[in-house]
Amino acid sequence: MNTEQSTRHVARPTSLWHQSGLANSLSEIWLALLQYQYVADSPGKVDIMITDAAVAEQISDLMLEFSARLDRSIIAVQKTWPPEEFRTYRVAVGKIMGEMLLEVMNPLYAQHPSIKPPGLD
């Protein structure tokens, strides 16, 4: 790998991250979530106890927005990165989205089923 390839390899994720606004959304999500109590009822599993339905809906909206942005980032990466780098990125984003679903969204919708989007089963 020459210097140009190395620089391009390092610069791409940063520029994609900032261009899509992912950094701002992530900050908003974490700030909102940190205001609420996390209760672990078994190793590796975290339930989010958000009793306020309006706040739960805001968190849901942020998670759905962030998921959509991550989806768009995968499409952008697929168009511009070499196939091997794209596959690595897609796996990493899949892990992030899986964690969001299992650790944030599913517990949120279990507590507030009325805000669960149709088709998210």
N, C-alpha and C. Protein backbone atom coordinates (compact mmCIF):
# COMPACT_ATOMS: atom_id res chain seq x y z
N MET A 1 0.85 -1.17 0.00
CA MET A 1 0.00 0.00 0.00
C MET A 1 0.90 1.24 0.00
N ASN A 2 0.69 2.12 -0.96
CA ASN A 2 1.48 3.34 -0.99
C ASN A 2 0.87 4.41 -0.09
N THR A 3 1.53 5.55 0.00
CA THR A 3 1.09 6.63 0.90
C THR A 3 -0.30 7.14 0.52
N GLU A 4 -0.55 7.29 -0.77
CA GLU A 4 -1.86 7.78 -1.22
C GLU A 4 -2.97 6.82 -0.82
N GLN A 5 -2.75 5.50 -1.03
CA GLN A 5 -3.74 4.52 -0.65
C GLN A 5 -3.97 4.52 0.86
N SER A 6 -2.90 4.62 1.61
CA SER A 6 -3.00 4.64 3.06
C SER A 6 -3.78 5.86 3.54
N THR A 7 -3.49 7.01 2.97
CA THR A 7 -4.19 8.24 3.34
C THR A 7 -5.66 8.13 2.97
N ARG A 8 -5.95 7.62 1.77
CA ARG A 8 -7.33 7.46 1.33
C ARG A 8 -8.07 6.50 2.25
N HIS A 9 -7.41 5.42 2.63
CA HIS A 9 -8.01 4.41 3.50
C HIS A 9 -8.40 5.03 4.85
N VAL A 10 -7.55 5.86 5.40
CA VAL A 10 -7.81 6.48 6.69
C VAL A 10 -8.81 7.62 6.56
N ALA A 11 -8.73 8.39 5.49
CA ALA A 11 -9.57 9.59 5.35
C ALA A 11 -11.01 9.27 5.02
N ARG A 12 -11.29 8.20 4.34
CA ARG A 12 -12.66 7.91 3.91
C ARG A 12 -13.65 7.81 5.06
N PRO A 13 -13.40 6.98 6.06
CA PRO A 13 -14.42 6.86 7.11
C PRO A 13 -14.70 8.20 7.80
N THR A 14 -13.67 8.98 8.04
CA THR A 14 -13.86 10.26 8.71
C THR A 14 -14.71 11.19 7.87
N SER A 15 -14.40 11.32 6.59
CA SER A 15 -15.16 12.24 5.76
C SER A 15 -16.59 11.75 5.58
N LEU A 16 -16.81 10.46 5.41
CA LEU A 16 -18.15 9.92 5.28
C LEU A 16 -18.92 10.15 6.56
N TRP A 17 -18.29 9.91 7.69
CA TRP A 17 -18.90 10.10 9.00
C TRP A 17 -19.41 11.53 9.15
N HIS A 18 -18.57 12.51 8.83
CA HIS A 18 -18.94 13.91 9.02
C HIS A 18 -19.92 14.40 7.96
N GLN A 19 -19.77 13.96 6.71
CA GLN A 19 -20.66 14.40 5.65
C GLN A 19 -22.09 13.96 5.91
N SER A 20 -22.28 12.80 6.46
CA SER A 20 -23.64 12.28 6.65
C SER A 20 -24.25 12.75 7.95
N GLY A 21 -23.50 13.43 8.80
CA GLY A 21 -24.05 13.90 10.07
C GLY A 21 -24.17 12.81 11.12
N LEU A 22 -23.51 11.68 10.90
CA LEU A 22 -23.62 10.57 11.86
C LEU A 22 -23.10 10.95 13.23
N ALA A 23 -22.05 11.75 13.26
CA ALA A 23 -21.46 12.13 14.56
C ALA A 23 -22.47 12.88 15.41
N ASN A 24 -23.21 13.81 14.82
CA ASN A 24 -24.20 14.57 15.57
C ASN A 24 -25.32 13.68 16.08
N SER A 25 -25.82 12.77 15.26
CA SER A 25 -26.90 11.88 15.69
C SER A 25 -26.46 10.98 16.83
N LEU A 26 -25.25 10.45 16.72
CA LEU A 26 -24.75 9.58 17.77
C LEU A 26 -24.66 10.33 19.09
N SER A 27 -24.17 11.55 19.05
CA SER A 27 -24.08 12.36 20.27
C SER A 27 -25.46 12.59 20.86
N GLU A 28 -26.44 12.91 20.03
CA GLU A 28 -27.80 13.14 20.51
C GLU A 28 -28.36 11.88 21.17
N ILE A 29 -28.15 10.75 20.53
CA ILE A 29 -28.67 9.49 21.07
C ILE A 29 -28.06 9.19 22.43
N TRP A 30 -26.74 9.25 22.51
CA TRP A 30 -26.09 8.91 23.77
C TRP A 30 -26.43 9.89 24.88
N LEU A 31 -26.53 11.17 24.56
CA LEU A 31 -26.90 12.13 25.59
C LEU A 31 -28.31 11.84 26.11
N ALA A 32 -29.22 11.53 25.21
CA ALA A 32 -30.59 11.23 25.64
C ALA A 32 -30.63 9.95 26.47
N LEU A 33 -29.91 8.93 26.03
CA LEU A 33 -29.94 7.65 26.75
C LEU A 33 -29.27 7.73 28.12
N LEU A 34 -28.23 8.53 28.23
CA LEU A 34 -27.51 8.63 29.50
C LEU A 34 -28.34 9.30 30.59
N GLN A 35 -29.41 9.97 30.21
CA GLN A 35 -30.27 10.61 31.19
C GLN A 35 -31.17 9.60 31.90
N TYR A 36 -31.21 8.38 31.42
CA TYR A 36 -32.13 7.39 31.96
C TYR A 36 -31.39 6.22 32.58
N GLN A 37 -32.11 5.49 33.39
CA GLN A 37 -31.52 4.40 34.18
C GLN A 37 -31.40 3.13 33.34
N TYR A 38 -30.22 2.53 33.38
CA TYR A 38 -29.99 1.24 32.75
C TYR A 38 -30.07 0.18 33.85
N VAL A 39 -30.81 -0.87 33.61
CA VAL A 39 -30.93 -1.94 34.60
C VAL A 39 -30.56 -3.25 33.92
N ALA A 40 -29.49 -3.87 34.38
CA ALA A 40 -29.08 -5.15 33.82
C ALA A 40 -29.74 -6.27 34.61
N ASP A 41 -30.55 -7.08 33.91
CA ASP A 41 -31.20 -8.18 34.62
C ASP A 41 -30.53 -9.51 34.34
N SER A 42 -29.58 -9.54 33.44
CA SER A 42 -28.77 -10.73 33.20
C SER A 42 -27.51 -10.29 32.49
N PRO A 43 -26.43 -11.09 32.60
CA PRO A 43 -25.17 -10.71 31.95
C PRO A 43 -25.36 -10.51 30.45
N GLY A 44 -24.85 -9.40 29.94
CA GLY A 44 -24.91 -9.13 28.52
C GLY A 44 -26.23 -8.57 28.04
N LYS A 45 -27.20 -8.38 28.92
CA LYS A 45 -28.50 -7.85 28.51
C LYS A 45 -28.79 -6.60 29.33
N VAL A 46 -29.17 -5.54 28.64
CA VAL A 46 -29.48 -4.28 29.31
C VAL A 46 -30.89 -3.87 28.92
N ASP A 47 -31.74 -3.62 29.90
CA ASP A 47 -33.07 -3.08 29.64
C ASP A 47 -33.02 -1.59 29.91
N ILE A 48 -33.64 -0.82 29.05
CA ILE A 48 -33.70 0.62 29.24
C ILE A 48 -35.04 0.92 29.87
N MET A 49 -35.01 1.54 31.01
CA MET A 49 -36.25 1.83 31.72
C MET A 49 -36.62 3.29 31.47
N ILE A 50 -37.38 3.54 30.43
CA ILE A 50 -37.85 4.88 30.11
C ILE A 50 -39.36 4.85 30.27
N THR A 51 -39.85 5.42 31.34
CA THR A 51 -41.28 5.36 31.61
C THR A 51 -42.06 6.44 30.88
N ASP A 52 -41.43 7.52 30.54
CA ASP A 52 -42.09 8.62 29.85
C ASP A 52 -42.26 8.26 28.38
N ALA A 53 -43.52 8.13 27.93
CA ALA A 53 -43.80 7.73 26.54
C ALA A 53 -43.28 8.72 25.52
N ALA A 54 -43.35 10.02 25.83
CA ALA A 54 -42.87 11.03 24.89
C ALA A 54 -41.36 10.92 24.69
N VAL A 55 -40.64 10.68 25.77
CA VAL A 55 -39.19 10.52 25.67
C VAL A 55 -38.87 9.22 24.94
N ALA A 56 -39.62 8.17 25.22
CA ALA A 56 -39.41 6.90 24.53
C ALA A 56 -39.60 7.07 23.03
N GLU A 57 -40.60 7.85 22.65
CA GLU A 57 -40.84 8.10 21.23
C GLU A 57 -39.69 8.89 20.61
N GLN A 58 -39.13 9.85 21.34
CA GLN A 58 -37.98 10.61 20.84
C GLN A 58 -36.78 9.68 20.63
N ILE A 59 -36.56 8.79 21.58
CA ILE A 59 -35.44 7.83 21.46
C ILE A 59 -35.69 6.93 20.26
N SER A 60 -36.91 6.46 20.09
CA SER A 60 -37.24 5.61 18.95
C SER A 60 -36.96 6.35 17.64
N ASP A 61 -37.41 7.59 17.55
CA ASP A 61 -37.18 8.38 16.34
C ASP A 61 -35.70 8.54 16.05
N LEU A 62 -34.91 8.79 17.09
CA LEU A 62 -33.45 8.91 16.90
C LEU A 62 -32.84 7.60 16.42
N MET A 63 -33.27 6.48 17.01
CA MET A 63 -32.73 5.18 16.59
C MET A 63 -33.08 4.89 15.14
N LEU A 64 -34.32 5.19 14.75
CA LEU A 64 -34.74 4.95 13.36
C LEU A 64 -33.97 5.86 12.40
N GLU A 65 -33.78 7.11 12.79
CA GLU A 65 -33.01 8.05 11.96
C GLU A 65 -31.56 7.57 11.82
N PHE A 66 -30.98 7.15 12.93
CA PHE A 66 -29.59 6.69 12.89
C PHE A 66 -29.47 5.44 12.04
N SER A 67 -30.44 4.53 12.14
CA SER A 67 -30.43 3.32 11.30
C SER A 67 -30.49 3.69 9.82
N ALA A 68 -31.34 4.65 9.48
CA ALA A 68 -31.45 5.08 8.08
C ALA A 68 -30.14 5.69 7.60
N ARG A 69 -29.50 6.47 8.45
CA ARG A 69 -28.22 7.08 8.06
C ARG A 69 -27.14 6.02 7.88
N LEU A 70 -27.15 5.03 8.75
CA LEU A 70 -26.19 3.94 8.60
C LEU A 70 -26.44 3.19 7.29
N ASP A 71 -27.72 2.95 6.97
CA ASP A 71 -28.05 2.31 5.69
C ASP A 71 -27.51 3.12 4.52
N ARG A 72 -27.72 4.43 4.57
CA ARG A 72 -27.22 5.29 3.48
C ARG A 72 -25.70 5.26 3.41
N SER A 73 -25.05 5.16 4.57
CA SER A 73 -23.58 5.12 4.55
C SER A 73 -23.09 3.85 3.87
N ILE A 74 -23.81 2.75 4.04
CA ILE A 74 -23.42 1.49 3.39
C ILE A 74 -23.50 1.64 1.88
N ILE A 75 -24.56 2.29 1.40
CA ILE A 75 -24.71 2.51 -0.04
C ILE A 75 -23.58 3.39 -0.57
N ALA A 76 -23.26 4.45 0.15
CA ALA A 76 -22.18 5.35 -0.27
C ALA A 76 -20.85 4.61 -0.30
N VAL A 77 -20.59 3.80 0.70
CA VAL A 77 -19.33 3.04 0.75
C VAL A 77 -19.27 2.03 -0.38
N GLN A 78 -20.38 1.37 -0.64
CA GLN A 78 -20.41 0.38 -1.71
C GLN A 78 -20.07 1.00 -3.06
N LYS A 79 -20.49 2.23 -3.27
CA LYS A 79 -20.24 2.91 -4.55
C LYS A 79 -18.79 3.37 -4.71
N THR A 80 -18.09 3.59 -3.60
CA THR A 80 -16.77 4.23 -3.71
C THR A 80 -15.60 3.41 -3.19
N TRP A 81 -15.83 2.45 -2.35
CA TRP A 81 -14.72 1.69 -1.77
C TRP A 81 -14.51 0.39 -2.50
N PRO A 82 -13.30 -0.16 -2.45
CA PRO A 82 -13.03 -1.48 -3.02
C PRO A 82 -13.90 -2.54 -2.31
N PRO A 83 -14.25 -3.62 -3.01
CA PRO A 83 -15.16 -4.64 -2.45
C PRO A 83 -14.76 -5.17 -1.07
N GLU A 84 -13.47 -5.42 -0.86
CA GLU A 84 -13.04 -5.96 0.44
C GLU A 84 -13.28 -4.96 1.57
N GLU A 85 -12.97 -3.70 1.32
CA GLU A 85 -13.20 -2.67 2.34
C GLU A 85 -14.70 -2.48 2.58
N PHE A 86 -15.49 -2.56 1.52
CA PHE A 86 -16.94 -2.45 1.65
C PHE A 86 -17.49 -3.56 2.54
N ARG A 87 -17.06 -4.80 2.30
CA ARG A 87 -17.55 -5.92 3.11
C ARG A 87 -17.20 -5.73 4.58
N THR A 88 -15.99 -5.28 4.85
CA THR A 88 -15.57 -5.03 6.23
C THR A 88 -16.44 -3.96 6.87
N TYR A 89 -16.69 -2.89 6.14
CA TYR A 89 -17.53 -1.80 6.65
C TYR A 89 -18.96 -2.28 6.89
N ARG A 90 -19.50 -3.04 5.95
CA ARG A 90 -20.88 -3.53 6.06
C ARG A 90 -21.04 -4.43 7.29
N VAL A 91 -20.07 -5.26 7.56
CA VAL A 91 -20.12 -6.11 8.75
C VAL A 91 -20.09 -5.25 10.02
N ALA A 92 -19.23 -4.26 10.05
CA ALA A 92 -19.13 -3.38 11.23
C ALA A 92 -20.45 -2.64 11.46
N VAL A 93 -21.04 -2.11 10.41
CA VAL A 93 -22.31 -1.40 10.54
C VAL A 93 -23.42 -2.36 10.95
N GLY A 94 -23.39 -3.57 10.43
CA GLY A 94 -24.37 -4.59 10.83
C GLY A 94 -24.32 -4.87 12.32
N LYS A 95 -23.11 -4.90 12.87
CA LYS A 95 -22.96 -5.12 14.31
C LYS A 95 -23.55 -3.95 15.10
N ILE A 96 -23.30 -2.73 14.64
CA ILE A 96 -23.85 -1.55 15.31
C ILE A 96 -25.37 -1.60 15.29
N MET A 97 -25.93 -1.88 14.11
CA MET A 97 -27.39 -1.89 13.99
C MET A 97 -28.01 -3.03 14.79
N GLY A 98 -27.33 -4.15 14.86
CA GLY A 98 -27.82 -5.27 15.67
C GLY A 98 -27.85 -4.91 17.14
N GLU A 99 -26.81 -4.27 17.61
CA GLU A 99 -26.77 -3.83 19.01
C GLU A 99 -27.86 -2.80 19.31
N MET A 100 -28.05 -1.87 18.38
CA MET A 100 -29.11 -0.87 18.57
C MET A 100 -30.46 -1.55 18.70
N LEU A 101 -30.72 -2.52 17.85
CA LEU A 101 -32.01 -3.21 17.87
C LEU A 101 -32.18 -4.03 19.15
N LEU A 102 -31.17 -4.84 19.47
CA LEU A 102 -31.30 -5.76 20.61
C LEU A 102 -31.21 -5.06 21.96
N GLU A 103 -30.37 -4.07 22.08
CA GLU A 103 -30.11 -3.46 23.38
C GLU A 103 -30.88 -2.17 23.65
N VAL A 104 -31.39 -1.54 22.60
CA VAL A 104 -32.10 -0.27 22.79
C VAL A 104 -33.54 -0.37 22.29
N MET A 105 -33.70 -0.69 21.02
CA MET A 105 -35.03 -0.62 20.42
C MET A 105 -35.98 -1.70 20.95
N ASN A 106 -35.55 -2.95 20.97
CA ASN A 106 -36.45 -4.00 21.45
C ASN A 106 -36.89 -3.78 22.90
N PRO A 107 -35.98 -3.46 23.84
CA PRO A 107 -36.45 -3.17 25.20
C PRO A 107 -37.38 -1.95 25.25
N LEU A 108 -37.09 -0.95 24.44
CA LEU A 108 -37.92 0.25 24.39
C LEU A 108 -39.33 -0.10 23.91
N TYR A 109 -39.42 -0.90 22.85
CA TYR A 109 -40.73 -1.26 22.31
C TYR A 109 -41.45 -2.27 23.20
N ALA A 110 -40.71 -3.05 23.97
CA ALA A 110 -41.35 -3.95 24.93
C ALA A 110 -42.08 -3.14 26.01
N GLN A 111 -41.48 -2.06 26.40
CA GLN A 111 -42.08 -1.21 27.44
C GLN A 111 -43.15 -0.28 26.84
N HIS A 112 -42.98 0.11 25.58
CA HIS A 112 -43.90 1.04 24.92
C HIS A 112 -44.32 0.48 23.56
N PRO A 113 -45.14 -0.57 23.54
CA PRO A 113 -45.51 -1.20 22.26
C PRO A 113 -46.24 -0.27 21.29
N SER A 114 -46.88 0.74 21.80
CA SER A 114 -47.65 1.64 20.92
C SER A 114 -46.75 2.49 20.01
N ILE A 115 -45.46 2.62 20.33
CA ILE A 115 -44.57 3.43 19.49
C ILE A 115 -43.75 2.57 18.52
N LYS A 116 -43.93 1.26 18.58
CA LYS A 116 -43.18 0.38 17.70
C LYS A 116 -43.65 0.58 16.25
N PRO A 117 -42.72 0.89 15.33
CA PRO A 117 -43.10 1.11 13.95
C PRO A 117 -43.67 -0.16 13.31
N PRO A 118 -44.67 -0.02 12.44
CA PRO A 118 -45.21 -1.19 11.75
C PRO A 118 -44.11 -1.87 10.94
N GLY A 119 -44.13 -3.18 10.92
CA GLY A 119 -43.15 -3.94 10.14
C GLY A 119 -41.84 -4.20 10.84
N LEU A 120 -41.67 -3.69 12.06
CA LEU A 120 -40.42 -3.93 12.79
C LEU A 120 -40.65 -5.10 13.75
N ASP A 121 -40.71 -6.28 13.18
CA ASP A 121 -40.95 -7.49 14.00
C ASP A 121 -39.77 -8.41 13.96
